[in-house]
């Protein structure tokens, strides 16, 4: 499986951000289960899920301080890359 994400270090905090389909973030159970599954690939770091609405506006889900930081930057400022996970 290939996911699009980034590992970011900001103000001494290392966290992962992963792009997901809106269906994942629409329901709390899916959101929680997805973050739990991803935690084995991004151990010991907060995981933020990002989905985009029909207008392309990003919406972030996770730790509030990190979400607030991500809202303050442009989507193209995130160092996205593909992760191949098995």
PDB file of N, CA and C in Angstrom:
ATOM      1  N   UNK A   1       0.847  -1.165   0.000  1.00  0.00           N
ATOM      2  CA  UNK A   1       0.000   0.000   0.000  1.00  0.00           C
ATOM      3  C   UNK A   1       0.898   1.235   0.000  1.00  0.00           C
ATOM      4  N   UNK A   2       0.480   2.256  -0.689  1.00  0.00           N
ATOM      5  CA  UNK A   2       1.208   3.516  -0.749  1.00  0.00           C
ATOM      6  C   UNK A   2       0.374   4.598  -0.076  1.00  0.00           C
ATOM      7  N   UNK A   3       0.996   5.352   0.808  1.00  0.00           N
ATOM      8  CA  UNK A   3       0.316   6.482   1.421  1.00  0.00           C
ATOM      9  C   UNK A   3       1.120   7.745   1.136  1.00  0.00           C
ATOM     10  N   UNK A   4       0.433   8.868   1.155  1.00  0.00           N
ATOM     11  CA  UNK A   4       1.082  10.167   0.980  1.00  0.00           C
ATOM     12  C   UNK A   4       1.120  10.821   2.352  1.00  0.00           C
ATOM     13  N   UNK A   5       2.315  11.183   2.758  1.00  0.00           N
ATOM     14  CA  UNK A   5       2.450  11.768   4.066  1.00  0.00           C
ATOM     15  C   UNK A   5       3.751  12.515   4.220  1.00  0.00           C
ATOM     16  N   UNK A   6       3.999  12.926   5.446  1.00  0.00           N
ATOM     17  CA  UNK A   6       5.225  13.643   5.761  1.00  0.00           C
ATOM     18  C   UNK A   6       5.504  13.483   7.242  1.00  0.00           C
ATOM     19  N   UNK A   7       6.774  13.467   7.566  1.00  0.00           N
ATOM     20  CA  UNK A   7       7.205  13.543   8.959  1.00  0.00           C
ATOM     21  C   UNK A   7       7.831  14.920   9.118  1.00  0.00           C
ATOM     22  N   UNK A   8       7.328  15.647  10.088  1.00  0.00           N
ATOM     23  CA  UNK A   8       7.728  17.040  10.272  1.00  0.00           C
ATOM     24  C   UNK A   8       8.232  17.230  11.702  1.00  0.00           C
ATOM     25  N   UNK A   9       9.283  18.016  11.837  1.00  0.00           N
ATOM     26  CA  UNK A   9       9.759  18.429  13.156  1.00  0.00           C
ATOM     27  C   UNK A   9       9.544  19.939  13.228  1.00  0.00           C
ATOM     28  N   UNK A  10       8.721  20.346  14.167  1.00  0.00           N
ATOM     29  CA  UNK A  10       8.418  21.764  14.334  1.00  0.00           C
ATOM     30  C   UNK A  10       8.449  22.090  15.821  1.00  0.00           C
ATOM     31  N   UNK A  11       9.268  23.056  16.190  1.00  0.00           N
ATOM     32  CA  UNK A  11       9.416  23.491  17.577  1.00  0.00           C
ATOM     33  C   UNK A  11       9.679  22.303  18.505  1.00  0.00           C
ATOM     34  N   UNK A  12      10.543  21.390  18.054  1.00  0.00           N
ATOM     35  CA  UNK A  12      10.941  20.255  18.866  1.00  0.00           C
ATOM     36  C   UNK A  12       9.954  19.102  18.911  1.00  0.00           C
ATOM     37  N   UNK A  13       8.846  19.212  18.178  1.00  0.00           N
ATOM     38  CA  UNK A  13       7.840  18.153  18.144  1.00  0.00           C
ATOM     39  C   UNK A  13       7.913  17.454  16.793  1.00  0.00           C
ATOM     40  N   UNK A  14       8.083  16.133  16.820  1.00  0.00           N
ATOM     41  CA  UNK A  14       8.089  15.341  15.591  1.00  0.00           C
ATOM     42  C   UNK A  14       6.713  14.710  15.443  1.00  0.00           C
ATOM     43  N   UNK A  15       6.097  14.914  14.280  1.00  0.00           N
ATOM     44  CA  UNK A  15       4.775  14.349  14.042  1.00  0.00           C
ATOM     45  C   UNK A  15       4.656  13.914  12.595  1.00  0.00           C
ATOM     46  N   UNK A  16       3.673  13.062  12.347  1.00  0.00           N
ATOM     47  CA  UNK A  16       3.401  12.595  10.989  1.00  0.00           C
ATOM     48  C   UNK A  16       2.073  13.169  10.538  1.00  0.00           C
ATOM     49  N   UNK A  17       2.007  13.485   9.262  1.00  0.00           N
ATOM     50  CA  UNK A  17       0.751  13.893   8.652  1.00  0.00           C
ATOM     51  C   UNK A  17       0.521  12.960   7.478  1.00  0.00           C
ATOM     52  N   UNK A  18      -0.701  12.451   7.364  1.00  0.00           N
ATOM     53  CA  UNK A  18      -1.040  11.500   6.315  1.00  0.00           C
ATOM     54  C   UNK A  18      -2.315  11.973   5.620  1.00  0.00           C
ATOM     55  N   UNK A  19      -2.265  12.002   4.291  1.00  0.00           N
ATOM     56  CA  UNK A  19      -3.428  12.382   3.497  1.00  0.00           C
ATOM     57  C   UNK A  19      -4.345  11.169   3.349  1.00  0.00           C
ATOM     58  N   UNK A  20      -5.628  11.380   3.622  1.00  0.00           N
ATOM     59  CA  UNK A  20      -6.617  10.309   3.516  1.00  0.00           C
ATOM     60  C   UNK A  20      -7.852  10.828   2.782  1.00  0.00           C
ATOM     61  N   UNK A  21      -8.682   9.896   2.340  1.00  0.00           N
ATOM     62  CA  UNK A  21      -9.938  10.275   1.692  1.00  0.00           C
ATOM     63  C   UNK A  21     -10.900  10.865   2.728  1.00  0.00           C
ATOM     64  N   UNK A  22     -11.800  11.743   2.296  1.00  0.00           N
ATOM     65  CA  UNK A  22     -12.756  12.343   3.242  1.00  0.00           C
ATOM     66  C   UNK A  22     -13.597  11.314   3.996  1.00  0.00           C
ATOM     67  N   UNK A  23     -13.855  10.148   3.390  1.00  0.00           N
ATOM     68  CA  UNK A  23     -14.652   9.135   4.095  1.00  0.00           C
ATOM     69  C   UNK A  23     -13.979   8.676   5.382  1.00  0.00           C
ATOM     70  N   UNK A  24     -12.654   8.741   5.404  1.00  0.00           N
ATOM     71  CA  UNK A  24     -11.915   8.300   6.594  1.00  0.00           C
ATOM     72  C   UNK A  24     -12.147   9.267   7.744  1.00  0.00           C
ATOM     73  N   UNK A  25     -12.166  10.547   7.470  1.00  0.00           N
ATOM     74  CA  UNK A  25     -12.304  11.537   8.536  1.00  0.00           C
ATOM     75  C   UNK A  25     -13.754  11.895   8.826  1.00  0.00           C
ATOM     76  N   UNK A  26     -14.659  11.403   8.038  1.00  0.00           N
ATOM     77  CA  UNK A  26     -16.078  11.717   8.226  1.00  0.00           C
ATOM     78  C   UNK A  26     -16.652  11.007   9.453  1.00  0.00           C
ATOM     79  N   UNK A  27     -16.092   9.845   9.793  1.00  0.00           N
ATOM     80  CA  UNK A  27     -16.623   9.038  10.892  1.00  0.00           C
ATOM     81  C   UNK A  27     -15.536   8.824  11.941  1.00  0.00           C
ATOM     82  N   UNK A  28     -15.866   9.082  13.184  1.00  0.00           N
ATOM     83  CA  UNK A  28     -14.892   8.992  14.267  1.00  0.00           C
ATOM     84  C   UNK A  28     -14.235   7.617  14.348  1.00  0.00           C
ATOM     85  N   UNK A  29     -15.007   6.559  14.215  1.00  0.00           N
ATOM     86  CA  UNK A  29     -14.439   5.213  14.331  1.00  0.00           C
ATOM     87  C   UNK A  29     -13.395   4.965  13.245  1.00  0.00           C
ATOM     88  N   UNK A  30     -13.672   5.383  12.019  1.00  0.00           N
ATOM     89  CA  UNK A  30     -12.698   5.206  10.931  1.00  0.00           C
ATOM     90  C   UNK A  30     -11.446   6.027  11.186  1.00  0.00           C
ATOM     91  N   UNK A  31     -11.640   7.230  11.654  1.00  0.00           N
ATOM     92  CA  UNK A  31     -10.515   8.112  11.939  1.00  0.00           C
ATOM     93  C   UNK A  31      -9.611   7.496  13.009  1.00  0.00           C
ATOM     94  N   UNK A  32     -10.196   7.033  14.088  1.00  0.00           N
ATOM     95  CA  UNK A  32      -9.438   6.436  15.185  1.00  0.00           C
ATOM     96  C   UNK A  32      -8.737   5.160  14.719  1.00  0.00           C
ATOM     97  N   UNK A  33      -9.455   4.308  14.001  1.00  0.00           N
ATOM     98  CA  UNK A  33      -8.859   3.055  13.526  1.00  0.00           C
ATOM     99  C   UNK A  33      -7.718   3.309  12.546  1.00  0.00           C
ATOM    100  N   UNK A  34      -7.855   4.300  11.696  1.00  0.00           N
ATOM    101  CA  UNK A  34      -6.799   4.624  10.735  1.00  0.00           C
ATOM    102  C   UNK A  34      -5.562   5.133  11.463  1.00  0.00           C
ATOM    103  N   UNK A  35      -5.744   6.015  12.402  1.00  0.00           N
ATOM    104  CA  UNK A  35      -4.596   6.521  13.163  1.00  0.00           C
ATOM    105  C   UNK A  35      -3.924   5.401  13.937  1.00  0.00           C
ATOM    106  N   UNK A  36      -4.709   4.503  14.489  1.00  0.00           N
ATOM    107  CA  UNK A  36      -4.142   3.366  15.232  1.00  0.00           C
ATOM    108  C   UNK A  36      -3.319   2.477  14.297  1.00  0.00           C
ATOM    109  N   UNK A  37      -3.856   2.191  13.115  1.00  0.00           N
ATOM    110  CA  UNK A  37      -3.139   1.343  12.152  1.00  0.00           C
ATOM    111  C   UNK A  37      -1.846   2.006  11.690  1.00  0.00           C
ATOM    112  N   UNK A  38      -1.873   3.311  11.505  1.00  0.00           N
ATOM    113  CA  UNK A  38      -0.685   4.026  11.038  1.00  0.00           C
ATOM    114  C   UNK A  38       0.385   4.164  12.118  1.00  0.00           C
ATOM    115  N   UNK A  39      -0.005   4.024  13.362  1.00  0.00           N
ATOM    116  CA  UNK A  39       0.953   4.238  14.450  1.00  0.00           C
ATOM    117  C   UNK A  39       2.103   3.230  14.420  1.00  0.00           C
ATOM    118  N   UNK A  40       1.900   2.082  13.809  1.00  0.00           N
ATOM    119  CA  UNK A  40       3.022   1.130  13.729  1.00  0.00           C
ATOM    120  C   UNK A  40       4.066   1.566  12.706  1.00  0.00           C
ATOM    121  N   UNK A  41       3.674   2.405  11.755  1.00  0.00           N
ATOM    122  CA  UNK A  41       4.617   2.914  10.747  1.00  0.00           C
ATOM    123  C   UNK A  41       5.241   4.249  11.157  1.00  0.00           C
ATOM    124  N   UNK A  42       4.580   4.938  12.069  1.00  0.00           N
ATOM    125  CA  UNK A  42       5.082   6.215  12.587  1.00  0.00           C
ATOM    126  C   UNK A  42       5.087   6.130  14.114  1.00  0.00           C
ATOM    127  N   UNK A  43       5.964   5.283  14.672  1.00  0.00           N
ATOM    128  CA  UNK A  43       5.928   5.033  16.114  1.00  0.00           C
ATOM    129  C   UNK A  43       6.325   6.253  16.943  1.00  0.00           C
ATOM    130  N   UNK A  44       5.704   6.350  18.082  1.00  0.00           N
ATOM    131  CA  UNK A  44       6.042   7.373  19.086  1.00  0.00           C
ATOM    132  C   UNK A  44       5.904   8.800  18.590  1.00  0.00           C
ATOM    133  N   UNK A  45       4.983   9.022  17.677  1.00  0.00           N
ATOM    134  CA  UNK A  45       4.741  10.398  17.242  1.00  0.00           C
ATOM    135  C   UNK A  45       3.254  10.605  17.009  1.00  0.00           C
ATOM    136  N   UNK A  46       2.767  11.816  17.262  1.00  0.00           N
ATOM    137  CA  UNK A  46       1.375  12.113  16.962  1.00  0.00           C
ATOM    138  C   UNK A  46       1.135  11.971  15.457  1.00  0.00           C
ATOM    139  N   UNK A  47      -0.043  11.471  15.107  1.00  0.00           N
ATOM    140  CA  UNK A  47      -0.410  11.318  13.697  1.00  0.00           C
ATOM    141  C   UNK A  47      -1.589  12.234  13.415  1.00  0.00           C
ATOM    142  N   UNK A  48      -1.403  13.069  12.411  1.00  0.00           N
ATOM    143  CA  UNK A  48      -2.449  13.978  11.968  1.00  0.00           C
ATOM    144  C   UNK A  48      -2.975  13.457  10.639  1.00  0.00           C
ATOM    145  N   UNK A  49      -4.287  13.338  10.529  1.00  0.00           N
ATOM    146  CA  UNK A  49      -4.880  12.950   9.253  1.00  0.00           C
ATOM    147  C   UNK A  49      -5.373  14.200   8.556  1.00  0.00           C
ATOM    148  N   UNK A  50      -5.189  14.242   7.253  1.00  0.00           N
ATOM    149  CA  UNK A  50      -5.618  15.384   6.454  1.00  0.00           C
ATOM    150  C   UNK A  50      -6.480  14.878   5.305  1.00  0.00           C
ATOM    151  N   UNK A  51      -7.646  15.473   5.170  1.00  0.00           N
ATOM    152  CA  UNK A  51      -8.478  15.212   4.000  1.00  0.00           C
ATOM    153  C   UNK A  51      -8.850  16.559   3.404  1.00  0.00           C
ATOM    154  N   UNK A  52      -9.256  16.532   2.152  1.00  0.00           N
ATOM    155  CA  UNK A  52      -9.625  17.766   1.470  1.00  0.00           C
ATOM    156  C   UNK A  52     -11.091  17.710   1.075  1.00  0.00           C
ATOM    157  N   UNK A  53     -11.759  18.857   1.170  1.00  0.00           N
ATOM    158  CA  UNK A  53     -13.146  18.917   0.743  1.00  0.00           C
ATOM    159  C   UNK A  53     -13.211  19.110  -0.768  1.00  0.00           C
ATOM    160  N   UNK A  54     -14.412  19.265  -1.307  1.00  0.00           N
ATOM    161  CA  UNK A  54     -14.599  19.399  -2.761  1.00  0.00           C
ATOM    162  C   UNK A  54     -13.881  20.602  -3.353  1.00  0.00           C
ATOM    163  N   UNK A  55     -13.615  21.611  -2.535  1.00  0.00           N
ATOM    164  CA  UNK A  55     -12.907  22.808  -3.008  1.00  0.00           C
ATOM    165  C   UNK A  55     -11.397  22.683  -2.885  1.00  0.00           C
ATOM    166  N   UNK A  56     -10.935  21.547  -2.351  1.00  0.00           N
ATOM    167  CA  UNK A  56      -9.500  21.352  -2.166  1.00  0.00           C
ATOM    168  C   UNK A  56      -8.966  21.913  -0.860  1.00  0.00           C
ATOM    169  N   UNK A  57      -9.857  22.404  -0.013  1.00  0.00           N
ATOM    170  CA  UNK A  57      -9.440  22.956   1.273  1.00  0.00           C
ATOM    171  C   UNK A  57      -9.067  21.815   2.210  1.00  0.00           C
ATOM    172  N   UNK A  58      -7.872  21.871   2.796  1.00  0.00           N
ATOM    173  CA  UNK A  58      -7.472  20.796   3.709  1.00  0.00           C
ATOM    174  C   UNK A  58      -8.145  20.927   5.073  1.00  0.00           C
ATOM    175  N   UNK A  59      -8.443  19.783   5.661  1.00  0.00           N
ATOM    176  CA  UNK A  59      -8.983  19.704   7.015  1.00  0.00           C
ATOM    177  C   UNK A  59      -8.112  18.710   7.768  1.00  0.00           C
ATOM    178  N   UNK A  60      -7.666  19.118   8.956  1.00  0.00           N
ATOM    179  CA  UNK A  60      -6.716  18.338   9.731  1.00  0.00           C
ATOM    180  C   UNK A  60      -7.392  17.775  10.981  1.00  0.00           C
ATOM    181  N   UNK A  61      -6.981  16.562  11.356  1.00  0.00           N
ATOM    182  CA  UNK A  61      -7.568  15.878  12.505  1.00  0.00           C
ATOM    183  C   UNK A  61      -6.450  15.287  13.341  1.00  0.00           C
ATOM    184  N   UNK A  62      -6.409  15.678  14.611  1.00  0.00           N
ATOM    185  CA  UNK A  62      -5.375  15.177  15.502  1.00  0.00           C
ATOM    186  C   UNK A  62      -5.125  16.160  16.627  1.00  0.00           C
ATOM    187  N   UNK A  63      -3.912  16.143  17.127  1.00  0.00           N
ATOM    188  CA  UNK A  63      -3.552  16.983  18.258  1.00  0.00           C
ATOM    189  C   UNK A  63      -3.773  18.458  17.931  1.00  0.00           C
ATOM    190  N   UNK A  64      -4.496  19.132  18.807  1.00  0.00           N
ATOM    191  CA  UNK A  64      -4.970  20.488  18.512  1.00  0.00           C
ATOM    192  C   UNK A  64      -3.852  21.489  18.223  1.00  0.00           C
ATOM    193  N   UNK A  65      -2.756  21.446  18.972  1.00  0.00           N
ATOM    194  CA  UNK A  65      -1.684  22.413  18.734  1.00  0.00           C
ATOM    195  C   UNK A  65      -1.041  22.202  17.367  1.00  0.00           C
ATOM    196  N   UNK A  66      -0.932  20.940  16.963  1.00  0.00           N
ATOM    197  CA  UNK A  66      -0.357  20.640  15.646  1.00  0.00           C
ATOM    198  C   UNK A  66      -1.325  21.038  14.540  1.00  0.00           C
ATOM    199  N   UNK A  67      -2.602  20.762  14.749  1.00  0.00           N
ATOM    200  CA  UNK A  67      -3.622  21.152  13.770  1.00  0.00           C
ATOM    201  C   UNK A  67      -3.596  22.668  13.569  1.00  0.00           C
ATOM    202  N   UNK A  68      -3.492  23.419  14.653  1.00  0.00           N
ATOM    203  CA  UNK A  68      -3.444  24.885  14.536  1.00  0.00           C
ATOM    204  C   UNK A  68      -2.217  25.330  13.750  1.00  0.00           C
ATOM    205  N   UNK A  69      -1.083  24.693  13.988  1.00  0.00           N
ATOM    206  CA  UNK A  69       0.118  25.013  13.225  1.00  0.00           C
ATOM    207  C   UNK A  69      -0.106  24.731  11.738  1.00  0.00           C
ATOM    208  N   UNK A  70      -0.655  23.557  11.412  1.00  0.00           N
ATOM    209  CA  UNK A  70      -0.866  23.191  10.005  1.00  0.00           C
ATOM    210  C   UNK A  70      -1.838  24.131   9.306  1.00  0.00           C
ATOM    211  N   UNK A  71      -2.806  24.638  10.021  1.00  0.00           N
ATOM    212  CA  UNK A  71      -3.757  25.593   9.431  1.00  0.00           C
ATOM    213  C   UNK A  71      -3.063  26.897   9.027  1.00  0.00           C
ATOM    214  N   UNK A  72      -1.906  27.165   9.641  1.00  0.00           N
ATOM    215  CA  UNK A  72      -1.216  28.429   9.383  1.00  0.00           C
ATOM    216  C   UNK A  72      -0.258  28.354   8.199  1.00  0.00           C
ATOM    217  N   UNK A  73      -0.089  27.158   7.606  1.00  0.00           N
ATOM    218  CA  UNK A  73       0.817  27.029   6.463  1.00  0.00           C
ATOM    219  C   UNK A  73       0.048  26.539   5.245  1.00  0.00           C
ATOM    220  N   UNK A  74       0.646  26.762   4.086  1.00  0.00           N
ATOM    221  CA  UNK A  74       0.030  26.290   2.840  1.00  0.00           C
ATOM    222  C   UNK A  74       0.290  24.796   2.665  1.00  0.00           C
ATOM    223  N   UNK A  75      -0.614  24.142   1.999  1.00  0.00           N
ATOM    224  CA  UNK A  75      -0.505  22.707   1.761  1.00  0.00           C
ATOM    225  C   UNK A  75       0.770  22.363   1.004  1.00  0.00           C
ATOM    226  N   UNK A  76       1.190  23.235   0.085  1.00  0.00           N
ATOM    227  CA  UNK A  76       2.399  22.954  -0.700  1.00  0.00           C
ATOM    228  C   UNK A  76       3.694  23.188   0.089  1.00  0.00           C
ATOM    229  N   UNK A  77       3.592  23.679   1.309  1.00  0.00           N
ATOM    230  CA  UNK A  77       4.767  23.838   2.166  1.00  0.00           C
ATOM    231  C   UNK A  77       5.095  22.549   2.924  1.00  0.00           C
ATOM    232  N   UNK A  78       4.179  21.596   2.909  1.00  0.00           N
ATOM    233  CA  UNK A  78       4.398  20.320   3.585  1.00  0.00           C
ATOM    234  C   UNK A  78       5.274  19.450   2.687  1.00  0.00           C
ATOM    235  N   UNK A  79       6.324  18.855   3.231  1.00  0.00           N
ATOM    236  CA  UNK A  79       7.243  18.050   2.421  1.00  0.00           C
ATOM    237  C   UNK A  79       6.685  16.637   2.145  1.00  0.00           C
ATOM    238  N   UNK A  80       5.635  16.577   1.338  1.00  0.00           N
ATOM    239  CA  UNK A  80       4.957  15.310   1.045  1.00  0.00           C
ATOM    240  C   UNK A  80       5.896  14.323   0.367  1.00  0.00           C
ATOM    241  N   UNK A  81       5.697  13.060   0.681  1.00  0.00           N
ATOM    242  CA  UNK A  81       6.386  11.998  -0.033  1.00  0.00           C
ATOM    243  C   UNK A  81       5.513  10.745   0.028  1.00  0.00           C
ATOM    244  N   UNK A  82       5.858   9.765  -0.788  1.00  0.00           N
ATOM    245  CA  UNK A  82       5.128   8.519  -0.785  1.00  0.00           C
ATOM    246  C   UNK A  82       5.830   7.535   0.152  1.00  0.00           C
ATOM    247  N   UNK A  83       5.034   6.872   0.964  1.00  0.00           N
ATOM    248  CA  UNK A  83       5.529   5.821   1.835  1.00  0.00           C
ATOM    249  C   UNK A  83       4.917   4.514   1.367  1.00  0.00           C
ATOM    250  N   UNK A  84       5.739   3.537   1.170  1.00  0.00           N
ATOM    251  CA  UNK A  84       5.275   2.208   0.765  1.00  0.00           C
ATOM    252  C   UNK A  84       5.277   1.357   2.023  1.00  0.00           C
ATOM    253  N   UNK A  85       4.081   0.994   2.474  1.00  0.00           N
ATOM    254  CA  UNK A  85       3.966   0.229   3.715  1.00  0.00           C
ATOM    255  C   UNK A  85       3.342  -1.117   3.431  1.00  0.00           C
ATOM    256  N   UNK A  86       3.725  -2.082   4.225  1.00  0.00           N
ATOM    257  CA  UNK A  86       3.257  -3.463   4.028  1.00  0.00           C
ATOM    258  C   UNK A  86       2.763  -4.054   5.324  1.00  0.00           C
TER     259      UNK A  86
END
